[in-house]
Amino acid sequence: MAAAAIEGLEPSGGMIYEFDPESGERDASFQWWVQAETVVGCLNQFQLTGDEVWLGRAVKAWDFIRRYLICPDGEWYWSLNPDGTPNTVDDRAGFWKCPYHNGRMCMEVWRFFSTFAPCSKSI
């Protein structure tokens, strides 16, 4: 499943939201939760396989989040618009957004670095 999902990782490090293989249509926005789960999924794959390509993908996805989705005023933007600008219309925090995915990502990264990463040569 990870190999199929990673096909949606853009060169920028952002993961596309949706793709319909039958129609070829893709949602060109970058939703906050998809980016957070990409980091977690890539770290999990690295832990399972030891393949450092997955670690690199996690770092690239985090860099995308850091550069484009974290609002200077705090919290994360809901998404990036197809033109790369932040979506400032949807809530930065709300019933469907806060605090699960980005908080979970932070806790999973912390757990990774506190338990697994000391054994890694690449970090």
PDB file of N, CA and C in Angstrom:
ATOM      1  N   MET A   1       0.826  -1.173   0.000  1.00  0.00           N
ATOM      2  CA  MET A   1       0.000   0.000   0.000  1.00  0.00           C
ATOM      3  C   MET A   1       0.878   1.247   0.000  1.00  0.00           C
ATOM      4  N   ALA A   2       1.955   1.232   0.768  1.00  0.00           N
ATOM      5  CA  ALA A   2       2.829   2.405   0.828  1.00  0.00           C
ATOM      6  C   ALA A   2       3.430   2.709  -0.539  1.00  0.00           C
ATOM      7  N   ALA A   3       3.815   1.672  -1.271  1.00  0.00           N
ATOM      8  CA  ALA A   3       4.404   1.882  -2.593  1.00  0.00           C
ATOM      9  C   ALA A   3       3.391   2.508  -3.548  1.00  0.00           C
ATOM     10  N   ALA A   4       2.137   2.108  -3.443  1.00  0.00           N
ATOM     11  CA  ALA A   4       1.101   2.697  -4.303  1.00  0.00           C
ATOM     12  C   ALA A   4       0.813   4.136  -3.883  1.00  0.00           C
ATOM     13  N   ALA A   5       0.719   4.369  -2.587  1.00  0.00           N
ATOM     14  CA  ALA A   5       0.401   5.715  -2.105  1.00  0.00           C
ATOM     15  C   ALA A   5       1.502   6.709  -2.439  1.00  0.00           C
ATOM     16  N   ILE A   6       2.743   6.261  -2.375  1.00  0.00           N
ATOM     17  CA  ILE A   6       3.864   7.188  -2.554  1.00  0.00           C
ATOM     18  C   ILE A   6       3.930   7.713  -3.983  1.00  0.00           C
ATOM     19  N   GLU A   7       3.203   7.099  -4.897  1.00  0.00           N
ATOM     20  CA  GLU A   7       3.141   7.617  -6.260  1.00  0.00           C
ATOM     21  C   GLU A   7       2.566   9.035  -6.287  1.00  0.00           C
ATOM     22  N   GLY A   8       1.838   9.419  -5.232  1.00  0.00           N
ATOM     23  CA  GLY A   8       1.263  10.756  -5.161  1.00  0.00           C
ATOM     24  C   GLY A   8       2.196  11.801  -4.592  1.00  0.00           C
ATOM     25  N   LEU A   9       3.422  11.403  -4.228  1.00  0.00           N
ATOM     26  CA  LEU A   9       4.375  12.364  -3.673  1.00  0.00           C
ATOM     27  C   LEU A   9       4.968  13.182  -4.812  1.00  0.00           C
ATOM     28  N   GLU A  10       4.770  14.473  -4.730  1.00  0.00           N
ATOM     29  CA  GLU A  10       5.257  15.386  -5.756  1.00  0.00           C
ATOM     30  C   GLU A  10       6.742  15.683  -5.530  1.00  0.00           C
ATOM     31  N   PRO A  11       7.456  16.133  -6.546  1.00  0.00           N
ATOM     32  CA  PRO A  11       8.869  16.503  -6.374  1.00  0.00           C
ATOM     33  C   PRO A  11       9.088  17.558  -5.282  1.00  0.00           C
ATOM     34  N   SER A  12       8.065  18.370  -5.012  1.00  0.00           N
ATOM     35  CA  SER A  12       8.154  19.395  -3.964  1.00  0.00           C
ATOM     36  C   SER A  12       8.173  18.803  -2.569  1.00  0.00           C
ATOM     37  N   GLY A  13       7.781  17.531  -2.446  1.00  0.00           N
ATOM     38  CA  GLY A  13       7.658  16.896  -1.140  1.00  0.00           C
ATOM     39  C   GLY A  13       6.223  16.842  -0.659  1.00  0.00           C
ATOM     40  N   GLY A  14       5.321  17.492  -1.376  1.00  0.00           N
ATOM     41  CA  GLY A  14       3.905  17.470  -1.019  1.00  0.00           C
ATOM     42  C   GLY A  14       3.209  16.250  -1.593  1.00  0.00           C
ATOM     43  N   MET A  15       2.269  15.704  -0.826  1.00  0.00           N
ATOM     44  CA  MET A  15       1.485  14.548  -1.262  1.00  0.00           C
ATOM     45  C   MET A  15       0.141  15.034  -1.787  1.00  0.00           C
ATOM     46  N   ILE A  16      -0.225  14.590  -2.988  1.00  0.00           N
ATOM     47  CA  ILE A  16      -1.517  15.006  -3.538  1.00  0.00           C
ATOM     48  C   ILE A  16      -2.647  14.445  -2.682  1.00  0.00           C
ATOM     49  N   TYR A  17      -3.786  15.102  -2.755  1.00  0.00           N
ATOM     50  CA  TYR A  17      -4.917  14.725  -1.922  1.00  0.00           C
ATOM     51  C   TYR A  17      -5.654  13.520  -2.490  1.00  0.00           C
ATOM     52  N   GLU A  18      -6.018  13.585  -3.756  1.00  0.00           N
ATOM     53  CA  GLU A  18      -6.764  12.488  -4.370  1.00  0.00           C
ATOM     54  C   GLU A  18      -6.393  12.367  -5.837  1.00  0.00           C
ATOM     55  N   PHE A  19      -6.487  11.134  -6.348  1.00  0.00           N
ATOM     56  CA  PHE A  19      -6.259  10.869  -7.761  1.00  0.00           C
ATOM     57  C   PHE A  19      -7.219   9.780  -8.189  1.00  0.00           C
ATOM     58  N   ASP A  20      -7.903   9.988  -9.311  1.00  0.00           N
ATOM     59  CA  ASP A  20      -8.809   8.991  -9.868  1.00  0.00           C
ATOM     60  C   ASP A  20      -8.128   8.386 -11.090  1.00  0.00           C
ATOM     61  N   PRO A  21      -7.642   7.140 -10.989  1.00  0.00           N
ATOM     62  CA  PRO A  21      -6.914   6.548 -12.111  1.00  0.00           C
ATOM     63  C   PRO A  21      -7.781   6.330 -13.355  1.00  0.00           C
ATOM     64  N   GLU A  22      -9.086   6.180 -13.173  1.00  0.00           N
ATOM     65  CA  GLU A  22      -9.962   5.975 -14.327  1.00  0.00           C
ATOM     66  C   GLU A  22     -10.111   7.234 -15.157  1.00  0.00           C
ATOM     67  N   SER A  23     -10.317   8.355 -14.485  1.00  0.00           N
ATOM     68  CA  SER A  23     -10.523   9.611 -15.223  1.00  0.00           C
ATOM     69  C   SER A  23      -9.221  10.397 -15.395  1.00  0.00           C
ATOM     70  N   GLY A  24      -8.216  10.071 -14.577  1.00  0.00           N
ATOM     71  CA  GLY A  24      -6.967  10.824 -14.612  1.00  0.00           C
ATOM     72  C   GLY A  24      -7.048  12.139 -13.858  1.00  0.00           C
ATOM     73  N   GLU A  25      -8.191  12.398 -13.213  1.00  0.00           N
ATOM     74  CA  GLU A  25      -8.349  13.649 -12.466  1.00  0.00           C
ATOM     75  C   GLU A  25      -7.642  13.556 -11.127  1.00  0.00           C
ATOM     76  N   ARG A  26      -7.024  14.683 -10.745  1.00  0.00           N
ATOM     77  CA  ARG A  26      -6.371  14.742  -9.445  1.00  0.00           C
ATOM     78  C   ARG A  26      -6.770  16.028  -8.749  1.00  0.00           C
ATOM     79  N   ASP A  27      -6.913  15.935  -7.441  1.00  0.00           N
ATOM     80  CA  ASP A  27      -7.177  17.118  -6.630  1.00  0.00           C
ATOM     81  C   ASP A  27      -5.827  17.785  -6.438  1.00  0.00           C
ATOM     82  N   ALA A  28      -5.685  18.995  -6.943  1.00  0.00           N
ATOM     83  CA  ALA A  28      -4.390  19.678  -6.952  1.00  0.00           C
ATOM     84  C   ALA A  28      -4.090  20.420  -5.660  1.00  0.00           C
ATOM     85  N   SER A  29      -4.958  20.291  -4.656  1.00  0.00           N
ATOM     86  CA  SER A  29      -4.665  20.932  -3.373  1.00  0.00           C
ATOM     87  C   SER A  29      -3.816  19.990  -2.523  1.00  0.00           C
ATOM     88  N   PHE A  30      -3.142  20.561  -1.550  1.00  0.00           N
ATOM     89  CA  PHE A  30      -2.338  19.779  -0.617  1.00  0.00           C
ATOM     90  C   PHE A  30      -2.939  19.954   0.766  1.00  0.00           C
ATOM     91  N   GLN A  31      -3.770  19.002   1.171  1.00  0.00           N
ATOM     92  CA  GLN A  31      -4.463  19.050   2.449  1.00  0.00           C
ATOM     93  C   GLN A  31      -3.489  18.818   3.603  1.00  0.00           C
ATOM     94  N   TRP A  32      -3.702  19.534   4.710  1.00  0.00           N
ATOM     95  CA  TRP A  32      -2.795  19.433   5.859  1.00  0.00           C
ATOM     96  C   TRP A  32      -2.666  18.008   6.376  1.00  0.00           C
ATOM     97  N   TRP A  33      -3.766  17.285   6.508  1.00  0.00           N
ATOM     98  CA  TRP A  33      -3.717  15.977   7.143  1.00  0.00           C
ATOM     99  C   TRP A  33      -2.990  14.957   6.284  1.00  0.00           C
ATOM    100  N   VAL A  34      -3.084  15.100   4.981  1.00  0.00           N
ATOM    101  CA  VAL A  34      -2.396  14.174   4.083  1.00  0.00           C
ATOM    102  C   VAL A  34      -0.883  14.344   4.219  1.00  0.00           C
ATOM    103  N   GLN A  35      -0.447  15.583   4.382  1.00  0.00           N
ATOM    104  CA  GLN A  35       0.983  15.846   4.538  1.00  0.00           C
ATOM    105  C   GLN A  35       1.490  15.250   5.858  1.00  0.00           C
ATOM    106  N   ALA A  36       0.732  15.436   6.922  1.00  0.00           N
ATOM    107  CA  ALA A  36       1.137  14.898   8.222  1.00  0.00           C
ATOM    108  C   ALA A  36       1.212  13.374   8.183  1.00  0.00           C
ATOM    109  N   GLU A  37       0.229  12.736   7.585  1.00  0.00           N
ATOM    110  CA  GLU A  37       0.217  11.271   7.531  1.00  0.00           C
ATOM    111  C   GLU A  37       1.284  10.736   6.588  1.00  0.00           C
ATOM    112  N   THR A  38       1.703  11.537   5.621  1.00  0.00           N
ATOM    113  CA  THR A  38       2.803  11.131   4.747  1.00  0.00           C
ATOM    114  C   THR A  38       4.090  11.003   5.545  1.00  0.00           C
ATOM    115  N   VAL A  39       4.352  11.954   6.416  1.00  0.00           N
ATOM    116  CA  VAL A  39       5.549  11.879   7.260  1.00  0.00           C
ATOM    117  C   VAL A  39       5.503  10.603   8.103  1.00  0.00           C
ATOM    118  N   VAL A  40       4.384  10.358   8.756  1.00  0.00           N
ATOM    119  CA  VAL A  40       4.248   9.183   9.627  1.00  0.00           C
ATOM    120  C   VAL A  40       4.387   7.895   8.816  1.00  0.00           C
ATOM    121  N   GLY A  41       3.715   7.824   7.689  1.00  0.00           N
ATOM    122  CA  GLY A  41       3.783   6.620   6.865  1.00  0.00           C
ATOM    123  C   GLY A  41       5.187   6.327   6.363  1.00  0.00           C
ATOM    124  N   CYS A  42       5.894   7.361   5.947  1.00  0.00           N
ATOM    125  CA  CYS A  42       7.260   7.166   5.462  1.00  0.00           C
ATOM    126  C   CYS A  42       8.197   6.729   6.594  1.00  0.00           C
ATOM    127  N   LEU A  43       8.035   7.311   7.775  1.00  0.00           N
ATOM    128  CA  LEU A  43       8.847   6.863   8.914  1.00  0.00           C
ATOM    129  C   LEU A  43       8.541   5.411   9.262  1.00  0.00           C
ATOM    130  N   ASN A  44       7.263   5.040   9.214  1.00  0.00           N
ATOM    131  CA  ASN A  44       6.892   3.650   9.492  1.00  0.00           C
ATOM    132  C   ASN A  44       7.521   2.701   8.476  1.00  0.00           C
ATOM    133  N   GLN A  45       7.500   3.082   7.204  1.00  0.00           N
ATOM    134  CA  GLN A  45       8.108   2.238   6.181  1.00  0.00           C
ATOM    135  C   GLN A  45       9.615   2.114   6.380  1.00  0.00           C
ATOM    136  N   PHE A  46      10.242   3.195   6.785  1.00  0.00           N
ATOM    137  CA  PHE A  46      11.676   3.130   7.072  1.00  0.00           C
ATOM    138  C   PHE A  46      11.941   2.168   8.225  1.00  0.00           C
ATOM    139  N   GLN A  47      11.133   2.242   9.264  1.00  0.00           N
ATOM    140  CA  GLN A  47      11.308   1.336  10.405  1.00  0.00           C
ATOM    141  C   GLN A  47      11.104  -0.119   9.996  1.00  0.00           C
ATOM    142  N   LEU A  48      10.136  -0.364   9.108  1.00  0.00           N
ATOM    143  CA  LEU A  48       9.843  -1.736   8.688  1.00  0.00           C
ATOM    144  C   LEU A  48      10.883  -2.296   7.728  1.00  0.00           C
ATOM    145  N   THR A  49      11.387  -1.454   6.835  1.00  0.00           N
ATOM    146  CA  THR A  49      12.252  -1.953   5.763  1.00  0.00           C
ATOM    147  C   THR A  49      13.725  -1.625   5.935  1.00  0.00           C
ATOM    148  N   GLY A  50      14.024  -0.561   6.676  1.00  0.00           N
ATOM    149  CA  GLY A  50      15.404  -0.106   6.773  1.00  0.00           C
ATOM    150  C   GLY A  50      15.883   0.615   5.524  1.00  0.00           C
ATOM    151  N   ASP A  51      15.005   0.781   4.539  1.00  0.00           N
ATOM    152  CA  ASP A  51      15.349   1.454   3.286  1.00  0.00           C
ATOM    153  C   ASP A  51      15.357   2.960   3.509  1.00  0.00           C
ATOM    154  N   GLU A  52      16.529   3.558   3.406  1.00  0.00           N
ATOM    155  CA  GLU A  52      16.677   4.976   3.713  1.00  0.00           C
ATOM    156  C   GLU A  52      15.971   5.895   2.727  1.00  0.00           C
ATOM    157  N   VAL A  53      15.509   5.369   1.616  1.00  0.00           N
ATOM    158  CA  VAL A  53      14.690   6.171   0.687  1.00  0.00           C
ATOM    159  C   VAL A  53      13.440   6.671   1.415  1.00  0.00           C
ATOM    160  N   TRP A  54      12.865   5.816   2.262  1.00  0.00           N
ATOM    161  CA  TRP A  54      11.661   6.206   3.002  1.00  0.00           C
ATOM    162  C   TRP A  54      11.961   7.306   4.012  1.00  0.00           C
ATOM    163  N   LEU A  55      13.109   7.245   4.634  1.00  0.00           N
ATOM    164  CA  LEU A  55      13.499   8.293   5.567  1.00  0.00           C
ATOM    165  C   LEU A  55      13.658   9.618   4.829  1.00  0.00           C
ATOM    166  N   GLY A  56      14.271   9.569   3.670  1.00  0.00           N
ATOM    167  CA  GLY A  56      14.410  10.781   2.854  1.00  0.00           C
ATOM    168  C   GLY A  56      13.082  11.365   2.455  1.00  0.00           C
ATOM    169  N   ARG A  57      12.120  10.509   2.143  1.00  0.00           N
ATOM    170  CA  ARG A  57      10.773  10.984   1.791  1.00  0.00           C
ATOM    171  C   ARG A  57      10.097  11.641   2.988  1.00  0.00           C
ATOM    172  N   ALA A  58      10.281  11.072   4.165  1.00  0.00           N
ATOM    173  CA  ALA A  58       9.704  11.673   5.377  1.00  0.00           C
ATOM    174  C   ALA A  58      10.282  13.059   5.606  1.00  0.00           C
ATOM    175  N   VAL A  59      11.587  13.179   5.460  1.00  0.00           N
ATOM    176  CA  VAL A  59      12.239  14.478   5.658  1.00  0.00           C
ATOM    177  C   VAL A  59      11.755  15.477   4.613  1.00  0.00           C
ATOM    178  N   LYS A  60      11.624  15.033   3.383  1.00  0.00           N
ATOM    179  CA  LYS A  60      11.157  15.930   2.314  1.00  0.00           C
ATOM    180  C   LYS A  60       9.714  16.374   2.571  1.00  0.00           C
ATOM    181  N   ALA A  61       8.880  15.455   3.030  1.00  0.00           N
ATOM    182  CA  ALA A  61       7.486  15.810   3.343  1.00  0.00           C
ATOM    183  C   ALA A  61       7.438  16.808   4.508  1.00  0.00           C
ATOM    184  N   TRP A  62       8.279  16.596   5.531  1.00  0.00           N
ATOM    185  CA  TRP A  62       8.327  17.546   6.645  1.00  0.00           C
ATOM    186  C   TRP A  62       8.783  18.917   6.155  1.00  0.00           C
ATOM    187  N   ASP A  63       9.769  18.943   5.275  1.00  0.00           N
ATOM    188  CA  ASP A  63      10.254  20.214   4.754  1.00  0.00           C
ATOM    189  C   ASP A  63       9.140  20.949   4.006  1.00  0.00           C
ATOM    190  N   PHE A  64       8.327  20.205   3.277  1.00  0.00           N
ATOM    191  CA  PHE A  64       7.176  20.798   2.579  1.00  0.00           C
ATOM    192  C   PHE A  64       6.214  21.423   3.589  1.00  0.00           C
ATOM    193  N   ILE A  65       5.912  20.685   4.644  1.00  0.00           N
ATOM    194  CA  ILE A  65       5.016  21.198   5.692  1.00  0.00           C
ATOM    195  C   ILE A  65       5.597  22.460   6.311  1.00  0.00           C
ATOM    196  N   ARG A  66       6.854  22.392   6.685  1.00  0.00           N
ATOM    197  CA  ARG A  66       7.517  23.520   7.340  1.00  0.00           C
ATOM    198  C   ARG A  66       7.518  24.762   6.456  1.00  0.00           C
ATOM    199  N   ARG A  67       7.788  24.579   5.178  1.00  0.00           N
ATOM    200  CA  ARG A  67       7.879  25.734   4.269  1.00  0.00           C
ATOM    201  C   ARG A  67       6.525  26.299   3.868  1.00  0.00           C
ATOM    202  N   TYR A  68       5.511  25.434   3.695  1.00  0.00           N
ATOM    203  CA  TYR A  68       4.279  25.900   3.072  1.00  0.00           C
ATOM    204  C   TYR A  68       3.027  25.837   3.935  1.00  0.00           C
ATOM    205  N   LEU A  69       2.950  24.938   4.892  1.00  0.00           N
ATOM    206  CA  LEU A  69       1.689  24.746   5.607  1.00  0.00           C
ATOM    207  C   LEU A  69       1.646  25.336   7.009  1.00  0.00           C
ATOM    208  N   ILE A  70       2.768  25.551   7.628  1.00  0.00           N
ATOM    209  CA  ILE A  70       2.747  26.121   8.969  1.00  0.00           C
ATOM    210  C   ILE A  70       2.610  27.627   8.846  1.00  0.00           C
ATOM    211  N   CYS A  71       1.540  28.138   9.421  1.00  0.00           N
ATOM    212  CA  CYS A  71       1.251  29.564   9.347  1.00  0.00           C
ATOM    213  C   CYS A  71       2.153  30.323  10.314  1.00  0.00           C
ATOM    214  N   PRO A  72       2.694  31.468   9.906  1.00  0.00           N
ATOM    215  CA  PRO A  72       3.537  32.249  10.823  1.00  0.00           C
ATOM    216  C   PRO A  72       2.819  32.662  12.113  1.00  0.00           C
ATOM    217  N   ASP A  73       1.486  32.744  12.085  1.00  0.00           N
ATOM    218  CA  ASP A  73       0.704  33.112  13.265  1.00  0.00           C
ATOM    219  C   ASP A  73       0.400  31.924  14.169  1.00  0.00           C
ATOM    220  N   GLY A  74       0.798  30.732  13.751  1.00  0.00           N
ATOM    221  CA  GLY A  74       0.509  29.528  14.524  1.00  0.00           C
ATOM    222  C   GLY A  74      -0.453  28.615  13.798  1.00  0.00           C
ATOM    223  N   GLU A  75      -0.429  27.327  14.163  1.00  0.00           N
ATOM    224  CA  GLU A  75      -1.252  26.296  13.570  1.00  0.00           C
ATOM    225  C   GLU A  75      -0.824  26.062  12.116  1.00  0.00           C
ATOM    226  N   TRP A  76      -1.541  25.203  11.421  1.00  0.00           N
ATOM    227  CA  TRP A  76      -1.261  24.895  10.019  1.00  0.00           C
ATOM    228  C   TRP A  76      -2.413  25.385   9.179  1.00  0.00           C
ATOM    229  N   TYR A  77      -2.097  25.829   7.968  1.00  0.00           N
ATOM    230  CA  TYR A  77      -3.168  26.128   7.015  1.00  0.00           C
ATOM    231  C   TYR A  77      -3.901  24.834   6.703  1.00  0.00           C
ATOM    232  N   TRP A  78      -5.153  24.955   6.314  1.00  0.00           N
ATOM    233  CA  TRP A  78      -5.955  23.788   5.935  1.00  0.00           C
ATOM    234  C   TRP A  78      -5.324  23.087   4.739  1.00  0.00           C
ATOM    235  N   SER A  79      -4.879  23.898   3.777  1.00  0.00           N
ATOM    236  CA  SER A  79      -4.306  23.330   2.558  1.00  0.00           C
ATOM    237  C   SER A  79      -3.585  24.415   1.774  1.00  0.00           C
ATOM    238  N   LEU A  80      -2.942  23.969   0.722  1.00  0.00           N
ATOM    239  CA  LEU A  80      -2.421  24.896  -0.276  1.00  0.00           C
ATOM    240  C   LEU A  80      -3.343  24.826  -1.471  1.00  0.00           C
ATOM    241  N   ASN A  81      -3.624  25.970  -2.064  1.00  0.00           N
ATOM    242  CA  ASN A  81      -4.406  26.016  -3.294  1.00  0.00           C
ATOM    243  C   ASN A  81      -3.572  25.469  -4.445  1.00  0.00           C
ATOM    244  N   PRO A  82      -4.221  25.099  -5.548  1.00  0.00           N
ATOM    245  CA  PRO A  82      -3.462  24.571  -6.690  1.00  0.00           C
ATOM    246  C   PRO A  82      -2.344  25.490  -7.178  1.00  0.00           C
ATOM    247  N   ASP A  83      -2.492  26.804  -6.953  1.00  0.00           N
ATOM    248  CA  ASP A  83      -1.433  27.734  -7.388  1.00  0.00           C
ATOM    249  C   ASP A  83      -0.309  27.861  -6.362  1.00  0.00           C
ATOM    250  N   GLY A  84      -0.384  27.108  -5.254  1.00  0.00           N
ATOM    251  CA  GLY A  84       0.675  27.110  -4.251  1.00  0.00           C
ATOM    252  C   GLY A  84       0.480  28.104  -3.121  1.00  0.00           C
ATOM    253  N   THR A  85      -0.578  28.900  -3.173  1.00  0.00           N
ATOM    254  CA  THR A  85      -0.844  29.848  -2.091  1.00  0.00           C
ATOM    255  C   THR A  85      -1.610  29.157  -0.974  1.00  0.00           C
ATOM    256  N   PRO A  86      -1.430  29.617   0.274  1.00  0.00           N
ATOM    257  CA  PRO A  86      -2.164  29.005   1.386  1.00  0.00           C
ATOM    258  C   PRO A  86      -3.665  29.260   1.285  1.00  0.00           C
ATOM    259  N   ASN A  87      -4.429  28.257   1.656  1.00  0.00           N
ATOM    260  CA  ASN A  87      -5.877  28.389   1.750  1.00  0.00           C
ATOM    261  C   ASN A  87      -6.167  29.135   3.051  1.00  0.00           C
ATOM    262  N   THR A  88      -6.593  30.371   2.938  1.00  0.00           N
ATOM    263  CA  THR A  88      -6.888  31.176   4.126  1.00  0.00           C
ATOM    264  C   THR A  88      -8.381  31.276   4.385  1.00  0.00           C
ATOM    265  N   VAL A  89      -9.179  30.547   3.623  1.00  0.00           N
ATOM    266  CA  VAL A  89     -10.632  30.566   3.783  1.00  0.00           C
ATOM    267  C   VAL A  89     -11.082  29.552   4.829  1.00  0.00           C
ATOM    268  N   ASP A  90     -10.558  28.334   4.736  1.00  0.00           N
ATOM    269  CA  ASP A  90     -10.962  27.282   5.672  1.00  0.00           C
ATOM    270  C   ASP A  90     -10.281  27.477   7.024  1.00  0.00           C
ATOM    271  N   ASP A  91     -10.881  26.907   8.050  1.00  0.00           N
ATOM    272  CA  ASP A  91     -10.382  27.039   9.418  1.00  0.00           C
ATOM    273  C   ASP A  91      -8.954  26.524   9.563  1.00  0.00           C
ATOM    274  N   ARG A  92      -8.183  27.199  10.392  1.00  0.00           N
ATOM    275  CA  ARG A  92      -6.873  26.663  10.773  1.00  0.00           C
ATOM    276  C   ARG A  92      -7.038  25.691  11.933  1.00  0.00           C
ATOM    277  N   ALA A  93      -8.067  25.858  12.716  1.00  0.00           N
ATOM    278  CA  ALA A  93      -8.384  24.917  13.786  1.00  0.00           C
ATOM    279  C   ALA A  93      -9.899  24.828  13.849  1.00  0.00           C
ATOM    280  N   GLY A  94     -10.401  23.662  14.104  1.00  0.00           N
ATOM    281  CA  GLY A  94     -11.835  23.482  14.168  1.00  0.00           C
ATOM    282  C   GLY A  94     -12.167  22.036  14.448  1.00  0.00           C
ATOM    283  N   PHE A  95     -13.441  21.739  14.402  1.00  0.00           N
ATOM    284  CA  PHE A  95     -13.940  20.419  14.741  1.00  0.00           C
ATOM    285  C   PHE A  95     -13.258  19.317  13.930  1.00  0.00           C
ATOM    286  N   TRP A  96     -13.085  19.517  12.634  1.00  0.00           N
ATOM    287  CA  TRP A  96     -12.498  18.482  11.793  1.00  0.00           C
ATOM    288  C   TRP A  96     -10.985  18.587  11.680  1.00  0.00           C
ATOM    289  N   LYS A  97     -10.410  19.664  12.098  1.00  0.00           N
ATOM    290  CA  LYS A  97      -8.980  19.834  11.865  1.00  0.00           C
ATOM    291  C   LYS A  97      -8.116  19.643  13.102  1.00  0.00           C
ATOM    292  N   CYS A  98      -8.482  20.147  14.195  1.00  0.00           N
ATOM    293  CA  CYS A  98      -7.578  20.199  15.334  1.00  0.00           C
ATOM    294  C   CYS A  98      -7.998  19.172  16.379  1.00  0.00           C
ATOM    295  N   PRO A  99      -7.115  18.488  16.990  1.00  0.00           N
ATOM    296  CA  PRO A  99      -5.671  18.493  16.860  1.00  0.00           C
ATOM    297  C   PRO A  99      -5.108  17.178  16.335  1.00  0.00           C
ATOM    298  N   TYR A 100      -5.892  16.333  15.729  1.00  0.00           N
ATOM    299  CA  TYR A 100      -5.459  14.956  15.515  1.00  0.00           C
ATOM    300  C   TYR A 100      -4.226  14.776  14.620  1.00  0.00           C
ATOM    301  N   HIS A 101      -4.325  15.037  13.329  1.00  0.00           N
ATOM    302  CA  HIS A 101      -3.270  14.614  12.399  1.00  0.00           C
ATOM    303  C   HIS A 101      -1.921  15.284  12.640  1.00  0.00           C
ATOM    304  N   ASN A 102      -1.917  16.599  12.784  1.00  0.00           N
ATOM    305  CA  ASN A 102      -0.621  17.250  12.973  1.00  0.00           C
ATOM    306  C   ASN A 102      -0.053  16.947  14.365  1.00  0.00           C
ATOM    307  N   GLY A 103      -0.908  16.875  15.370  1.00  0.00           N
ATOM    308  CA  GLY A 103      -0.434  16.485  16.699  1.00  0.00           C
ATOM    309  C   GLY A 103       0.087  15.066  16.723  1.00  0.00           C
ATOM    310  N   ARG A 104      -0.637  14.163  16.063  1.00  0.00           N
ATOM    311  CA  ARG A 104      -0.199  12.764  15.976  1.00  0.00           C
ATOM    312  C   ARG A 104       1.145  12.667  15.267  1.00  0.00           C
ATOM    313  N   MET A 105       1.301  13.423  14.181  1.00  0.00           N
ATOM    314  CA  MET A 105       2.565  13.408  13.463  1.00  0.00           C
ATOM    315  C   MET A 105       3.708  13.834  14.386  1.00  0.00           C
ATOM    316  N   CYS A 106       3.509  14.905  15.127  1.00  0.00           N
ATOM    317  CA  CYS A 106       4.558  15.388  16.028  1.00  0.00           C
ATOM    318  C   CYS A 106       4.906  14.331  17.078  1.00  0.00           C
ATOM    319  N   MET A 107       3.890  13.677  17.635  1.00  0.00           N
ATOM    320  CA  MET A 107       4.157  12.632  18.641  1.00  0.00           C
ATOM    321  C   MET A 107       4.853  11.429  18.034  1.00  0.00           C
ATOM    322  N   GLU A 108       4.469  11.052  16.817  1.00  0.00           N
ATOM    323  CA  GLU A 108       5.110   9.916  16.155  1.00  0.00           C
ATOM    324  C   GLU A 108       6.557  10.237  15.786  1.00  0.00           C
ATOM    325  N   VAL A 109       6.834  11.454  15.351  1.00  0.00           N
ATOM    326  CA  VAL A 109       8.210  11.847  15.048  1.00  0.00           C
ATOM    327  C   VAL A 109       9.040  11.848  16.328  1.00  0.00           C
ATOM    328  N   TRP A 110       8.484  12.386  17.393  1.00  0.00           N
ATOM    329  CA  TRP A 110       9.190  12.378  18.683  1.00  0.00           C
ATOM    330  C   TRP A 110       9.498  10.944  19.117  1.00  0.00           C
ATOM    331  N   ARG A 111       8.508  10.061  18.987  1.00  0.00           N
ATOM    332  CA  ARG A 111       8.712   8.653  19.360  1.00  0.00           C
ATOM    333  C   ARG A 111       9.794   8.025  18.491  1.00  0.00           C
ATOM    334  N   PHE A 112       9.769   8.317  17.211  1.00  0.00           N
ATOM    335  CA  PHE A 112      10.777   7.787  16.296  1.00  0.00           C
ATOM    336  C   PHE A 112      12.174   8.216  16.726  1.00  0.00           C
ATOM    337  N   PHE A 113      12.354   9.503  16.955  1.00  0.00           N
ATOM    338  CA  PHE A 113      13.680   9.995  17.311  1.00  0.00           C
ATOM    339  C   PHE A 113      14.115   9.559  18.706  1.00  0.00           C
ATOM    340  N   SER A 114      13.180   9.328  19.586  1.00  0.00           N
ATOM    341  CA  SER A 114      13.572   8.930  20.939  1.00  0.00           C
ATOM    342  C   SER A 114      13.801   7.425  21.074  1.00  0.00           C
ATOM    343  N   THR A 115      13.286   6.631  20.136  1.00  0.00           N
ATOM    344  CA  THR A 115      13.449   5.183  20.273  1.00  0.00           C
ATOM    345  C   THR A 115      14.202   4.542  19.114  1.00  0.00           C
ATOM    346  N   PHE A 116      13.906   4.942  17.903  1.00  0.00           N
ATOM    347  CA  PHE A 116      14.464   4.240  16.751  1.00  0.00           C
ATOM    348  C   PHE A 116      15.686   4.925  16.174  1.00  0.00           C
ATOM    349  N   ALA A 117      15.647   6.232  16.078  1.00  0.00           N
ATOM    350  CA  ALA A 117      16.697   6.973  15.380  1.00  0.00           C
ATOM    351  C   ALA A 117      18.092   6.790  15.968  1.00  0.00           C
ATOM    352  N   PRO A 118      18.264   6.597  17.272  1.00  0.00           N
ATOM    353  CA  PRO A 118      19.639   6.413  17.753  1.00  0.00           C
ATOM    354  C   PRO A 118      20.348   5.242  17.093  1.00  0.00           C
ATOM    355  N   CYS A 119      19.592   4.317  16.527  1.00  0.00           N
ATOM    356  CA  CYS A 119      20.189   3.167  15.862  1.00  0.00           C
ATOM    357  C   CYS A 119      20.480   3.441  14.394  1.00  0.00           C
ATOM    358  N   SER A 120      20.034   4.567  13.879  1.00  0.00           N
ATOM    359  CA  SER A 120      20.169   4.860  12.461  1.00  0.00           C
ATOM    360  C   SER A 120      21.483   5.583  12.173  1.00  0.00           C
ATOM    361  N   LYS A 121      22.160   5.150  11.132  1.00  0.00           N
ATOM    362  CA  LYS A 121      23.410   5.795  10.711  1.00  0.00           C
ATOM    363  C   LYS A 121      23.144   7.098   9.978  1.00  0.00           C
ATOM    364  N   SER A 122      21.966   7.243   9.390  1.00  0.00           N
ATOM    365  CA  SER A 122      21.733   8.360   8.488  1.00  0.00           C
ATOM    366  C   SER A 122      21.214   9.614   9.157  1.00  0.00           C
ATOM    367  N   ILE A 123      20.928   9.574  10.427  1.00  0.00           N
ATOM    368  CA  ILE A 123      20.355  10.751  11.088  1.00  0.00           C
ATOM    369  C   ILE A 123      21.416  11.434  11.920  1.00  0.00           C
TER     370      ILE A 123
END
